[in-house]
Amino acid sequence: MIDESKAADIEGYLSCFSGDLRERLEANLRQMGEEGFRAYLRDRLAELKGVAIYDVEESDAEASLTVEYVFAEESERQSMRLERTRGTWRIAGADASRRERSLIPYGTPIEQAE
């Protein structure tokens, strides 16, 4: 999903989702138009420094996890629910993301950290 977003590949990005979540994203695409949605995808993670995945719980058909997106000045956490569809994991649900300001900006040399 992150790679497809950075590449601004609309079809590739949408293929990462299923169910109601995909339908909402498709509605956003119709509302924003292809160029607007492509810009949204490209800009959304442009400053991304890293990603952490934790709290993974998995069964044969479903999984839940927390994704933390790390940016220079903040991090953003989001819980997701995945479903296995035709052998491929797809994001079926996601909570609203929670942003937190970084105490020390990512990439700050240790000697400059207070």
PDB file of N, CA and C in Angstrom:
ATOM      1  N   MET A   1       0.834  -1.186   0.000  1.00  0.00           N
ATOM      2  CA  MET A   1       0.000   0.000   0.000  1.00  0.00           C
ATOM      3  C   MET A   1       0.877   1.246   0.000  1.00  0.00           C
ATOM      4  N   ILE A   2       1.933   1.226   0.798  1.00  0.00           N
ATOM      5  CA  ILE A   2       2.824   2.384   0.878  1.00  0.00           C
ATOM      6  C   ILE A   2       3.552   2.583  -0.448  1.00  0.00           C
ATOM      7  N   ASP A   3       4.059   1.509  -1.026  1.00  0.00           N
ATOM      8  CA  ASP A   3       4.749   1.621  -2.312  1.00  0.00           C
ATOM      9  C   ASP A   3       3.821   2.141  -3.400  1.00  0.00           C
ATOM     10  N   GLU A   4       2.590   1.645  -3.429  1.00  0.00           N
ATOM     11  CA  GLU A   4       1.615   2.079  -4.438  1.00  0.00           C
ATOM     12  C   GLU A   4       1.251   3.543  -4.233  1.00  0.00           C
ATOM     13  N   SER A   5       1.156   3.969  -2.974  1.00  0.00           N
ATOM     14  CA  SER A   5       0.849   5.360  -2.673  1.00  0.00           C
ATOM     15  C   SER A   5       1.980   6.270  -3.134  1.00  0.00           C
ATOM     16  N   LYS A   6       3.218   5.904  -2.799  1.00  0.00           N
ATOM     17  CA  LYS A   6       4.371   6.716  -3.204  1.00  0.00           C
ATOM     18  C   LYS A   6       4.494   6.804  -4.725  1.00  0.00           C
ATOM     19  N   ALA A   7       4.134   5.728  -5.421  1.00  0.00           N
ATOM     20  CA  ALA A   7       4.195   5.711  -6.879  1.00  0.00           C
ATOM     21  C   ALA A   7       2.989   6.397  -7.508  1.00  0.00           C
ATOM     22  N   ALA A   8       2.011   6.786  -6.688  1.00  0.00           N
ATOM     23  CA  ALA A   8       0.766   7.408  -7.154  1.00  0.00           C
ATOM     24  C   ALA A   8       0.047   6.513  -8.156  1.00  0.00           C
ATOM     25  N   ASP A   9       0.114   5.198  -7.923  1.00  0.00           N
ATOM     26  CA  ASP A   9      -0.536   4.193  -8.765  1.00  0.00           C
ATOM     27  C   ASP A   9      -1.938   3.941  -8.208  1.00  0.00           C
ATOM     28  N   ILE A  10      -2.918   4.558  -8.804  1.00  0.00           N
ATOM     29  CA  ILE A  10      -4.282   4.495  -8.293  1.00  0.00           C
ATOM     30  C   ILE A  10      -4.799   3.064  -8.244  1.00  0.00           C
ATOM     31  N   GLU A  11      -4.710   2.329  -9.348  1.00  0.00           N
ATOM     32  CA  GLU A  11      -5.225   0.959  -9.378  1.00  0.00           C
ATOM     33  C   GLU A  11      -4.470   0.062  -8.415  1.00  0.00           C
ATOM     34  N   GLY A  12      -3.142   0.214  -8.376  1.00  0.00           N
ATOM     35  CA  GLY A  12      -2.345  -0.576  -7.448  1.00  0.00           C
ATOM     36  C   GLY A  12      -2.720  -0.285  -6.007  1.00  0.00           C
ATOM     37  N   TYR A  13      -2.933   0.991  -5.699  1.00  0.00           N
ATOM     38  CA  TYR A  13      -3.322   1.401  -4.351  1.00  0.00           C
ATOM     39  C   TYR A  13      -4.687   0.822  -3.990  1.00  0.00           C
ATOM     40  N   LEU A  14      -5.661   0.986  -4.863  1.00  0.00           N
ATOM     41  CA  LEU A  14      -7.003   0.478  -4.587  1.00  0.00           C
ATOM     42  C   LEU A  14      -7.018  -1.032  -4.434  1.00  0.00           C
ATOM     43  N   SER A  15      -6.134  -1.732  -5.140  1.00  0.00           N
ATOM     44  CA  SER A  15      -6.099  -3.194  -5.061  1.00  0.00           C
ATOM     45  C   SER A  15      -5.635  -3.685  -3.684  1.00  0.00           C
ATOM     46  N   CYS A  16      -5.126  -2.795  -2.857  1.00  0.00           N
ATOM     47  CA  CYS A  16      -4.686  -3.155  -1.507  1.00  0.00           C
ATOM     48  C   CYS A  16      -5.844  -3.185  -0.513  1.00  0.00           C
ATOM     49  N   PHE A  17      -7.039  -2.773  -0.944  1.00  0.00           N
ATOM     50  CA  PHE A  17      -8.184  -2.625  -0.048  1.00  0.00           C
ATOM     51  C   PHE A  17      -9.339  -3.500  -0.504  1.00  0.00           C
ATOM     52  N   SER A  18     -10.264  -3.766   0.428  1.00  0.00           N
ATOM     53  CA  SER A  18     -11.464  -4.532   0.092  1.00  0.00           C
ATOM     54  C   SER A  18     -12.664  -3.967   0.839  1.00  0.00           C
ATOM     55  N   GLY A  19     -13.834  -4.439   0.465  1.00  0.00           N
ATOM     56  CA  GLY A  19     -15.065  -4.117   1.171  1.00  0.00           C
ATOM     57  C   GLY A  19     -15.427  -2.645   1.186  1.00  0.00           C
ATOM     58  N   ASP A  20     -16.041  -2.231   2.303  1.00  0.00           N
ATOM     59  CA  ASP A  20     -16.518  -0.853   2.460  1.00  0.00           C
ATOM     60  C   ASP A  20     -15.389   0.165   2.350  1.00  0.00           C
ATOM     61  N   LEU A  21     -14.214  -0.190   2.858  1.00  0.00           N
ATOM     62  CA  LEU A  21     -13.086   0.738   2.794  1.00  0.00           C
ATOM     63  C   LEU A  21     -12.708   1.027   1.356  1.00  0.00           C
ATOM     64  N   ARG A  22     -12.660  -0.006   0.526  1.00  0.00           N
ATOM     65  CA  ARG A  22     -12.353   0.221  -0.889  1.00  0.00           C
ATOM     66  C   ARG A  22     -13.443   1.063  -1.544  1.00  0.00           C
ATOM     67  N   GLU A  23     -14.679   0.796  -1.225  1.00  0.00           N
ATOM     68  CA  GLU A  23     -15.783   1.580  -1.796  1.00  0.00           C
ATOM     69  C   GLU A  23     -15.666   3.051  -1.421  1.00  0.00           C
ATOM     70  N   ARG A  24     -15.273   3.343  -0.183  1.00  0.00           N
ATOM     71  CA  ARG A  24     -15.092   4.745   0.230  1.00  0.00           C
ATOM     72  C   ARG A  24     -13.940   5.392  -0.523  1.00  0.00           C
ATOM     73  N   LEU A  25     -12.857   4.645  -0.725  1.00  0.00           N
ATOM     74  CA  LEU A  25     -11.721   5.179  -1.484  1.00  0.00           C
ATOM     75  C   LEU A  25     -12.108   5.435  -2.939  1.00  0.00           C
ATOM     76  N   GLU A  26     -12.882   4.545  -3.524  1.00  0.00           N
ATOM     77  CA  GLU A  26     -13.354   4.749  -4.894  1.00  0.00           C
ATOM     78  C   GLU A  26     -14.257   5.972  -4.985  1.00  0.00           C
ATOM     79  N   ALA A  27     -15.080   6.206  -3.946  1.00  0.00           N
ATOM     80  CA  ALA A  27     -15.923   7.409  -3.911  1.00  0.00           C
ATOM     81  C   ALA A  27     -15.047   8.655  -3.832  1.00  0.00           C
ATOM     82  N   ASN A  28     -13.976   8.600  -3.031  1.00  0.00           N
ATOM     83  CA  ASN A  28     -13.034   9.727  -2.968  1.00  0.00           C
ATOM     84  C   ASN A  28     -12.390   9.972  -4.328  1.00  0.00           C
ATOM     85  N   LEU A  29     -12.039   8.909  -5.022  1.00  0.00           N
ATOM     86  CA  LEU A  29     -11.461   9.032  -6.362  1.00  0.00           C
ATOM     87  C   LEU A  29     -12.429   9.737  -7.302  1.00  0.00           C
ATOM     88  N   ARG A  30     -13.685   9.331  -7.279  1.00  0.00           N
ATOM     89  CA  ARG A  30     -14.682   9.973  -8.147  1.00  0.00           C
ATOM     90  C   ARG A  30     -14.834  11.446  -7.798  1.00  0.00           C
ATOM     91  N   GLN A  31     -14.830  11.765  -6.511  1.00  0.00           N
ATOM     92  CA  GLN A  31     -15.010  13.147  -6.062  1.00  0.00           C
ATOM     93  C   GLN A  31     -13.787  14.006  -6.407  1.00  0.00           C
ATOM     94  N   MET A  32     -12.587  13.480  -6.202  1.00  0.00           N
ATOM     95  CA  MET A  32     -11.357  14.247  -6.409  1.00  0.00           C
ATOM     96  C   MET A  32     -10.892  14.236  -7.864  1.00  0.00           C
ATOM     97  N   GLY A  33     -11.326  13.247  -8.629  1.00  0.00           N
ATOM     98  CA  GLY A  33     -10.818  13.068  -9.980  1.00  0.00           C
ATOM     99  C   GLY A  33      -9.469  12.356  -9.915  1.00  0.00           C
ATOM    100  N   GLU A  34      -9.060  11.787 -11.057  1.00  0.00           N
ATOM    101  CA  GLU A  34      -7.815  11.010 -11.082  1.00  0.00           C
ATOM    102  C   GLU A  34      -6.594  11.820 -10.686  1.00  0.00           C
ATOM    103  N   GLU A  35      -6.463  13.018 -11.227  1.00  0.00           N
ATOM    104  CA  GLU A  35      -5.263  13.820 -10.909  1.00  0.00           C
ATOM    105  C   GLU A  35      -5.233  14.251  -9.455  1.00  0.00           C
ATOM    106  N   GLY A  36      -6.380  14.631  -8.905  1.00  0.00           N
ATOM    107  CA  GLY A  36      -6.443  15.019  -7.505  1.00  0.00           C
ATOM    108  C   GLY A  36      -6.128  13.850  -6.587  1.00  0.00           C
ATOM    109  N   PHE A  37      -6.673  12.673  -6.905  1.00  0.00           N
ATOM    110  CA  PHE A  37      -6.423  11.486  -6.091  1.00  0.00           C
ATOM    111  C   PHE A  37      -4.959  11.065  -6.205  1.00  0.00           C
ATOM    112  N   ARG A  38      -4.415  11.136  -7.406  1.00  0.00           N
ATOM    113  CA  ARG A  38      -2.999  10.801  -7.621  1.00  0.00           C
ATOM    114  C   ARG A  38      -2.100  11.745  -6.803  1.00  0.00           C
ATOM    115  N   ALA A  39      -2.417  13.025  -6.785  1.00  0.00           N
ATOM    116  CA  ALA A  39      -1.649  13.991  -5.995  1.00  0.00           C
ATOM    117  C   ALA A  39      -1.779  13.682  -4.507  1.00  0.00           C
ATOM    118  N   TYR A  40      -2.984  13.328  -4.081  1.00  0.00           N
ATOM    119  CA  TYR A  40      -3.201  12.941  -2.679  1.00  0.00           C
ATOM    120  C   TYR A  40      -2.311  11.761  -2.313  1.00  0.00           C
ATOM    121  N   LEU A  41      -2.287  10.726  -3.157  1.00  0.00           N
ATOM    122  CA  LEU A  41      -1.454   9.553  -2.883  1.00  0.00           C
ATOM    123  C   LEU A  41       0.022   9.931  -2.818  1.00  0.00           C
ATOM    124  N   ARG A  42       0.462  10.698  -3.770  1.00  0.00           N
ATOM    125  CA  ARG A  42       1.881  11.079  -3.868  1.00  0.00           C
ATOM    126  C   ARG A  42       2.301  11.936  -2.671  1.00  0.00           C
ATOM    127  N   ASP A  43       1.468  12.905  -2.290  1.00  0.00           N
ATOM    128  CA  ASP A  43       1.819  13.857  -1.242  1.00  0.00           C
ATOM    129  C   ASP A  43       1.656  13.288   0.169  1.00  0.00           C
ATOM    130  N   ARG A  44       0.733  12.349   0.319  1.00  0.00           N
ATOM    131  CA  ARG A  44       0.386  11.815   1.630  1.00  0.00           C
ATOM    132  C   ARG A  44       1.583  11.260   2.385  1.00  0.00           C
ATOM    133  N   LEU A  45       2.469  10.556   1.705  1.00  0.00           N
ATOM    134  CA  LEU A  45       3.601   9.916   2.360  1.00  0.00           C
ATOM    135  C   LEU A  45       4.939  10.420   1.836  1.00  0.00           C
ATOM    136  N   ALA A  46       4.941  11.574   1.215  1.00  0.00           N
ATOM    137  CA  ALA A  46       6.161  12.098   0.600  1.00  0.00           C
ATOM    138  C   ALA A  46       7.291  12.273   1.613  1.00  0.00           C
ATOM    139  N   GLU A  47       6.977  12.643   2.836  1.00  0.00           N
ATOM    140  CA  GLU A  47       7.993  12.901   3.864  1.00  0.00           C
ATOM    141  C   GLU A  47       8.205  11.709   4.796  1.00  0.00           C
ATOM    142  N   LEU A  48       7.683  10.548   4.431  1.00  0.00           N
ATOM    143  CA  LEU A  48       7.793   9.355   5.265  1.00  0.00           C
ATOM    144  C   LEU A  48       9.247   8.936   5.431  1.00  0.00           C
ATOM    145  N   LYS A  49       9.648   8.700   6.689  1.00  0.00           N
ATOM    146  CA  LYS A  49      11.013   8.274   6.999  1.00  0.00           C
ATOM    147  C   LYS A  49      11.095   6.776   7.268  1.00  0.00           C
ATOM    148  N   GLY A  50      10.020   6.195   7.804  1.00  0.00           N
ATOM    149  CA  GLY A  50      10.033   4.776   8.119  1.00  0.00           C
ATOM    150  C   GLY A  50       8.673   4.293   8.551  1.00  0.00           C
ATOM    151  N   VAL A  51       8.546   2.970   8.671  1.00  0.00           N
ATOM    152  CA  VAL A  51       7.286   2.340   9.048  1.00  0.00           C
ATOM    153  C   VAL A  51       7.585   1.229  10.045  1.00  0.00           C
ATOM    154  N   ALA A  52       6.767   1.141  11.072  1.00  0.00           N
ATOM    155  CA  ALA A  52       6.856   0.045  12.029  1.00  0.00           C
ATOM    156  C   ALA A  52       5.493  -0.639  12.094  1.00  0.00           C
ATOM    157  N   ILE A  53       5.511  -1.960  12.185  1.00  0.00           N
ATOM    158  CA  ILE A  53       4.273  -2.732  12.295  1.00  0.00           C
ATOM    159  C   ILE A  53       4.371  -3.562  13.568  1.00  0.00           C
ATOM    160  N   TYR A  54       3.327  -3.489  14.392  1.00  0.00           N
ATOM    161  CA  TYR A  54       3.337  -4.260  15.632  1.00  0.00           C
ATOM    162  C   TYR A  54       1.918  -4.622  16.050  1.00  0.00           C
ATOM    163  N   ASP A  55       1.811  -5.323  17.177  1.00  0.00           N
ATOM    164  CA  ASP A  55       0.528  -5.827  17.688  1.00  0.00           C
ATOM    165  C   ASP A  55      -0.178  -6.686  16.646  1.00  0.00           C
ATOM    166  N   VAL A  56       0.585  -7.523  15.939  1.00  0.00           N
ATOM    167  CA  VAL A  56       0.022  -8.362  14.878  1.00  0.00           C
ATOM    168  C   VAL A  56      -0.681  -9.570  15.486  1.00  0.00           C
ATOM    169  N   GLU A  57      -1.921  -9.753  15.099  1.00  0.00           N
ATOM    170  CA  GLU A  57      -2.702 -10.944  15.455  1.00  0.00           C
ATOM    171  C   GLU A  57      -3.261 -11.492  14.159  1.00  0.00           C
ATOM    172  N   GLU A  58      -3.001 -12.781  13.911  1.00  0.00           N
ATOM    173  CA  GLU A  58      -3.334 -13.348  12.603  1.00  0.00           C
ATOM    174  C   GLU A  58      -4.007 -14.703  12.743  1.00  0.00           C
ATOM    175  N   SER A  59      -5.002 -14.926  11.904  1.00  0.00           N
ATOM    176  CA  SER A  59      -5.608 -16.241  11.727  1.00  0.00           C
ATOM    177  C   SER A  59      -5.500 -16.574  10.244  1.00  0.00           C
ATOM    178  N   ASP A  60      -6.127 -17.646   9.813  1.00  0.00           N
ATOM    179  CA  ASP A  60      -6.039 -18.026   8.400  1.00  0.00           C
ATOM    180  C   ASP A  60      -6.662 -17.000   7.465  1.00  0.00           C
ATOM    181  N   ALA A  61      -7.727 -16.350   7.916  1.00  0.00           N
ATOM    182  CA  ALA A  61      -8.472 -15.462   7.024  1.00  0.00           C
ATOM    183  C   ALA A  61      -8.439 -13.999   7.415  1.00  0.00           C
ATOM    184  N   GLU A  62      -8.027 -13.680   8.652  1.00  0.00           N
ATOM    185  CA  GLU A  62      -8.040 -12.291   9.109  1.00  0.00           C
ATOM    186  C   GLU A  62      -6.776 -11.973   9.894  1.00  0.00           C
ATOM    187  N   ALA A  63      -6.477 -10.703   9.956  1.00  0.00           N
ATOM    188  CA  ALA A  63      -5.357 -10.231  10.776  1.00  0.00           C
ATOM    189  C   ALA A  63      -5.672  -8.822  11.246  1.00  0.00           C
ATOM    190  N   SER A  64      -5.085  -8.455  12.370  1.00  0.00           N
ATOM    191  CA  SER A  64      -5.160  -7.080  12.827  1.00  0.00           C
ATOM    192  C   SER A  64      -3.748  -6.665  13.196  1.00  0.00           C
ATOM    193  N   LEU A  65      -3.463  -5.386  13.053  1.00  0.00           N
ATOM    194  CA  LEU A  65      -2.126  -4.882  13.346  1.00  0.00           C
ATOM    195  C   LEU A  65      -2.175  -3.387  13.534  1.00  0.00           C
ATOM    196  N   THR A  66      -1.101  -2.850  14.072  1.00  0.00           N
ATOM    197  CA  THR A  66      -0.941  -1.412  14.198  1.00  0.00           C
ATOM    198  C   THR A  66       0.228  -1.004  13.326  1.00  0.00           C
ATOM    199  N   VAL A  67       0.027   0.044  12.541  1.00  0.00           N
ATOM    200  CA  VAL A  67       1.071   0.585  11.683  1.00  0.00           C
ATOM    201  C   VAL A  67       1.457   1.947  12.231  1.00  0.00           C
ATOM    202  N   GLU A  68       2.751   2.166  12.360  1.00  0.00           N
ATOM    203  CA  GLU A  68       3.245   3.474  12.776  1.00  0.00           C
ATOM    204  C   GLU A  68       4.052   4.058  11.629  1.00  0.00           C
ATOM    205  N   TYR A  69       3.607   5.193  11.141  1.00  0.00           N
ATOM    206  CA  TYR A  69       4.302   5.916  10.079  1.00  0.00           C
ATOM    207  C   TYR A  69       5.187   6.956  10.760  1.00  0.00           C
ATOM    208  N   VAL A  70       6.471   6.949  10.462  1.00  0.00           N
ATOM    209  CA  VAL A  70       7.405   7.865  11.106  1.00  0.00           C
ATOM    210  C   VAL A  70       7.779   8.971  10.122  1.00  0.00           C
ATOM    211  N   PHE A  71       7.538  10.214  10.547  1.00  0.00           N
ATOM    212  CA  PHE A  71       7.909  11.401   9.787  1.00  0.00           C
ATOM    213  C   PHE A  71       8.949  12.165  10.614  1.00  0.00           C
ATOM    214  N   ALA A  72       9.566  13.167  10.048  1.00  0.00           N
ATOM    215  CA  ALA A  72      10.613  13.902  10.762  1.00  0.00           C
ATOM    216  C   ALA A  72      10.092  14.545  12.044  1.00  0.00           C
ATOM    217  N   GLU A  73       8.953  15.175  11.996  1.00  0.00           N
ATOM    218  CA  GLU A  73       8.448  15.947  13.135  1.00  0.00           C
ATOM    219  C   GLU A  73       7.361  15.243  13.939  1.00  0.00           C
ATOM    220  N   GLU A  74       6.848  14.125  13.430  1.00  0.00           N
ATOM    221  CA  GLU A  74       5.754  13.444  14.111  1.00  0.00           C
ATOM    222  C   GLU A  74       5.675  11.992  13.674  1.00  0.00           C
ATOM    223  N   SER A  75       4.863  11.237  14.387  1.00  0.00           N
ATOM    224  CA  SER A  75       4.545   9.875  13.967  1.00  0.00           C
ATOM    225  C   SER A  75       3.024   9.747  13.940  1.00  0.00           C
ATOM    226  N   GLU A  76       2.564   8.782  13.209  1.00  0.00           N
ATOM    227  CA  GLU A  76       1.131   8.570  13.053  1.00  0.00           C
ATOM    228  C   GLU A  76       0.871   7.081  13.214  1.00  0.00           C
ATOM    229  N   ARG A  77      -0.059   6.724  14.095  1.00  0.00           N
ATOM    230  CA  ARG A  77      -0.399   5.321  14.333  1.00  0.00           C
ATOM    231  C   ARG A  77      -1.807   5.044  13.846  1.00  0.00           C
ATOM    232  N   GLN A  78      -1.960   3.837  13.299  1.00  0.00           N
ATOM    233  CA  GLN A  78      -3.267   3.458  12.783  1.00  0.00           C
ATOM    234  C   GLN A  78      -3.446   1.949  12.947  1.00  0.00           C
ATOM    235  N   SER A  79      -4.571   1.556  13.526  1.00  0.00           N
ATOM    236  CA  SER A  79      -4.917   0.141  13.633  1.00  0.00           C
ATOM    237  C   SER A  79      -5.643  -0.272  12.365  1.00  0.00           C
ATOM    238  N   MET A  80      -5.293  -1.450  11.856  1.00  0.00           N
ATOM    239  CA  MET A  80      -5.896  -1.946  10.617  1.00  0.00           C
ATOM    240  C   MET A  80      -6.378  -3.377  10.791  1.00  0.00           C
ATOM    241  N   ARG A  81      -7.395  -3.701  10.020  1.00  0.00           N
ATOM    242  CA  ARG A  81      -7.913  -5.059   9.940  1.00  0.00           C
ATOM    243  C   ARG A  81      -7.735  -5.537   8.511  1.00  0.00           C
ATOM    244  N   LEU A  82      -7.126  -6.693   8.339  1.00  0.00           N
ATOM    245  CA  LEU A  82      -6.881  -7.250   7.018  1.00  0.00           C
ATOM    246  C   LEU A  82      -7.689  -8.521   6.831  1.00  0.00           C
ATOM    247  N   GLU A  83      -8.061  -8.787   5.591  1.00  0.00           N
ATOM    248  CA  GLU A  83      -8.746 -10.022   5.219  1.00  0.00           C
ATOM    249  C   GLU A  83      -7.978 -10.657   4.072  1.00  0.00           C
ATOM    250  N   ARG A  84      -7.930 -11.978   4.114  1.00  0.00           N
ATOM    251  CA  ARG A  84      -7.301 -12.697   3.006  1.00  0.00           C
ATOM    252  C   ARG A  84      -8.370 -12.925   1.942  1.00  0.00           C
ATOM    253  N   THR A  85      -8.139 -12.349   0.764  1.00  0.00           N
ATOM    254  CA  THR A  85      -9.083 -12.447  -0.347  1.00  0.00           C
ATOM    255  C   THR A  85      -8.370 -13.119  -1.514  1.00  0.00           C
ATOM    256  N   ARG A  86      -8.858 -14.264  -1.914  1.00  0.00           N
ATOM    257  CA  ARG A  86      -8.251 -15.027  -3.014  1.00  0.00           C
ATOM    258  C   ARG A  86      -6.741 -15.183  -2.807  1.00  0.00           C
ATOM    259  N   GLY A  87      -6.358 -15.493  -1.554  1.00  0.00           N
ATOM    260  CA  GLY A  87      -4.962 -15.747  -1.230  1.00  0.00           C
ATOM    261  C   GLY A  87      -4.110 -14.519  -0.996  1.00  0.00           C
ATOM    262  N   THR A  88      -4.687 -13.320  -1.103  1.00  0.00           N
ATOM    263  CA  THR A  88      -3.936 -12.081  -0.945  1.00  0.00           C
ATOM    264  C   THR A  88      -4.513 -11.274   0.223  1.00  0.00           C
ATOM    265  N   TRP A  89      -3.636 -10.745   1.066  1.00  0.00           N
ATOM    266  CA  TRP A  89      -4.089  -9.896   2.162  1.00  0.00           C
ATOM    267  C   TRP A  89      -4.486  -8.528   1.634  1.00  0.00           C
ATOM    268  N   ARG A  90      -5.662  -8.067   2.065  1.00  0.00           N
ATOM    269  CA  ARG A  90      -6.150  -6.744   1.707  1.00  0.00           C
ATOM    270  C   ARG A  90      -6.633  -6.036   2.961  1.00  0.00           C
ATOM    271  N   ILE A  91      -6.490  -4.721   2.982  1.00  0.00           N
ATOM    272  CA  ILE A  91      -6.930  -3.920   4.121  1.00  0.00           C
ATOM    273  C   ILE A  91      -8.446  -3.764   4.027  1.00  0.00           C
ATOM    274  N   ALA A  92      -9.137  -4.270   5.038  1.00  0.00           N
ATOM    275  CA  ALA A  92     -10.594  -4.240   5.030  1.00  0.00           C
ATOM    276  C   ALA A  92     -11.156  -3.175   5.960  1.00  0.00           C
ATOM    277  N   GLY A  93     -10.336  -2.696   6.874  1.00  0.00           N
ATOM    278  CA  GLY A  93     -10.795  -1.670   7.805  1.00  0.00           C
ATOM    279  C   GLY A  93      -9.610  -0.972   8.438  1.00  0.00           C
ATOM    280  N   ALA A  94      -9.815   0.291   8.792  1.00  0.00           N
ATOM    281  CA  ALA A  94      -8.752   1.064   9.429  1.00  0.00           C
ATOM    282  C   ALA A  94      -9.385   2.106  10.341  1.00  0.00           C
ATOM    283  N   ASP A  95      -8.845   2.215  11.545  1.00  0.00           N
ATOM    284  CA  ASP A  95      -9.287   3.256  12.471  1.00  0.00           C
ATOM    285  C   ASP A  95      -8.706   4.591  12.028  1.00  0.00           C
ATOM    286  N   ALA A  96      -9.261   5.646  12.556  1.00  0.00           N
ATOM    287  CA  ALA A  96      -8.685   6.969  12.311  1.00  0.00           C
ATOM    288  C   ALA A  96      -7.261   6.982  12.864  1.00  0.00           C
ATOM    289  N   SER A  97      -6.367   7.630  12.155  1.00  0.00           N
ATOM    290  CA  SER A  97      -4.973   7.665  12.609  1.00  0.00           C
ATOM    291  C   SER A  97      -4.820   8.641  13.768  1.00  0.00           C
ATOM    292  N   ARG A  98      -3.832   8.354  14.605  1.00  0.00           N
ATOM    293  CA  ARG A  98      -3.518   9.200  15.745  1.00  0.00           C
ATOM    294  C   ARG A  98      -2.120   9.760  15.541  1.00  0.00           C
ATOM    295  N   ARG A  99      -1.996  11.077  15.526  1.00  0.00           N
ATOM    296  CA  ARG A  99      -0.696  11.729  15.322  1.00  0.00           C
ATOM    297  C   ARG A  99      -0.109  12.148  16.652  1.00  0.00           C
ATOM    298  N   GLU A 100       1.223  11.995  16.729  1.00  0.00           N
ATOM    299  CA  GLU A 100       1.951  12.434  17.911  1.00  0.00           C
ATOM    300  C   GLU A 100       3.169  13.217  17.469  1.00  0.00           C
ATOM    301  N   ARG A 101       3.384  14.335  18.097  1.00  0.00           N
ATOM    302  CA  ARG A 101       4.558  15.170  17.813  1.00  0.00           C
ATOM    303  C   ARG A 101       5.792  14.475  18.370  1.00  0.00           C
ATOM    304  N   SER A 102       6.878  14.448  17.611  1.00  0.00           N
ATOM    305  CA  SER A 102       8.133  13.834  18.065  1.00  0.00           C
ATOM    306  C   SER A 102       8.837  14.770  19.039  1.00  0.00           C
ATOM    307  N   LEU A 103       9.321  14.225  20.138  1.00  0.00           N
ATOM    308  CA  LEU A 103      10.071  15.033  21.098  1.00  0.00           C
ATOM    309  C   LEU A 103      11.383  15.505  20.489  1.00  0.00           C
ATOM    310  N   ILE A 104      12.004  14.620  19.720  1.00  0.00           N
ATOM    311  CA  ILE A 104      13.241  14.953  19.011  1.00  0.00           C
ATOM    312  C   ILE A 104      12.996  14.600  17.548  1.00  0.00           C
ATOM    313  N   PRO A 105      13.107  15.550  16.626  1.00  0.00           N
ATOM    314  CA  PRO A 105      12.849  15.255  15.223  1.00  0.00           C
ATOM    315  C   PRO A 105      13.715  14.097  14.697  1.00  0.00           C
ATOM    316  N   TYR A 106      13.098  13.255  13.904  1.00  0.00           N
ATOM    317  CA  TYR A 106      13.778  12.106  13.314  1.00  0.00           C
ATOM    318  C   TYR A 106      15.008  12.585  12.542  1.00  0.00           C
ATOM    319  N   GLY A 107      16.117  11.916  12.730  1.00  0.00           N
ATOM    320  CA  GLY A 107      17.337  12.274  12.014  1.00  0.00           C
ATOM    321  C   GLY A 107      18.212  13.268  12.720  1.00  0.00           C
ATOM    322  N   THR A 108      17.796  13.751  13.894  1.00  0.00           N
ATOM    323  CA  THR A 108      18.606  14.716  14.641  1.00  0.00           C
ATOM    324  C   THR A 108      19.863  14.007  15.172  1.00  0.00           C
ATOM    325  N   PRO A 109      21.042  14.533  14.902  1.00  0.00           N
ATOM    326  CA  PRO A 109      22.267  13.928  15.454  1.00  0.00           C
ATOM    327  C   PRO A 109      22.196  13.907  16.979  1.00  0.00           C
ATOM    328  N   ILE A 110      22.686  12.847  17.568  1.00  0.00           N
ATOM    329  CA  ILE A 110      22.578  12.668  19.021  1.00  0.00           C
ATOM    330  C   ILE A 110      23.203  13.813  19.801  1.00  0.00           C
ATOM    331  N   GLU A 111      24.265  14.380  19.302  1.00  0.00           N
ATOM    332  CA  GLU A 111      24.915  15.480  20.021  1.00  0.00           C
ATOM    333  C   GLU A 111      24.063  16.751  20.016  1.00  0.00           C
ATOM    334  N   GLN A 112      23.078  16.823  19.118  1.00  0.00           N
ATOM    335  CA  GLN A 112      22.198  17.984  19.068  1.00  0.00           C
ATOM    336  C   GLN A 112      20.906  17.784  19.848  1.00  0.00           C
ATOM    337  N   ALA A 113      20.660  16.549  20.277  1.00  0.00           N
ATOM    338  CA  ALA A 113      19.427  16.236  21.020  1.00  0.00           C
ATOM    339  C   ALA A 113      19.552  16.777  22.443  1.00  0.00           C
ATOM    340  N   GLU A 114      18.493  17.367  22.926  1.00  0.00           N
ATOM    341  CA  GLU A 114      18.493  17.910  24.304  1.00  0.00           C
ATOM    342  C   GLU A 114      17.710  17.008  25.207  1.00  0.00           C
TER     343      GLU A 114
END
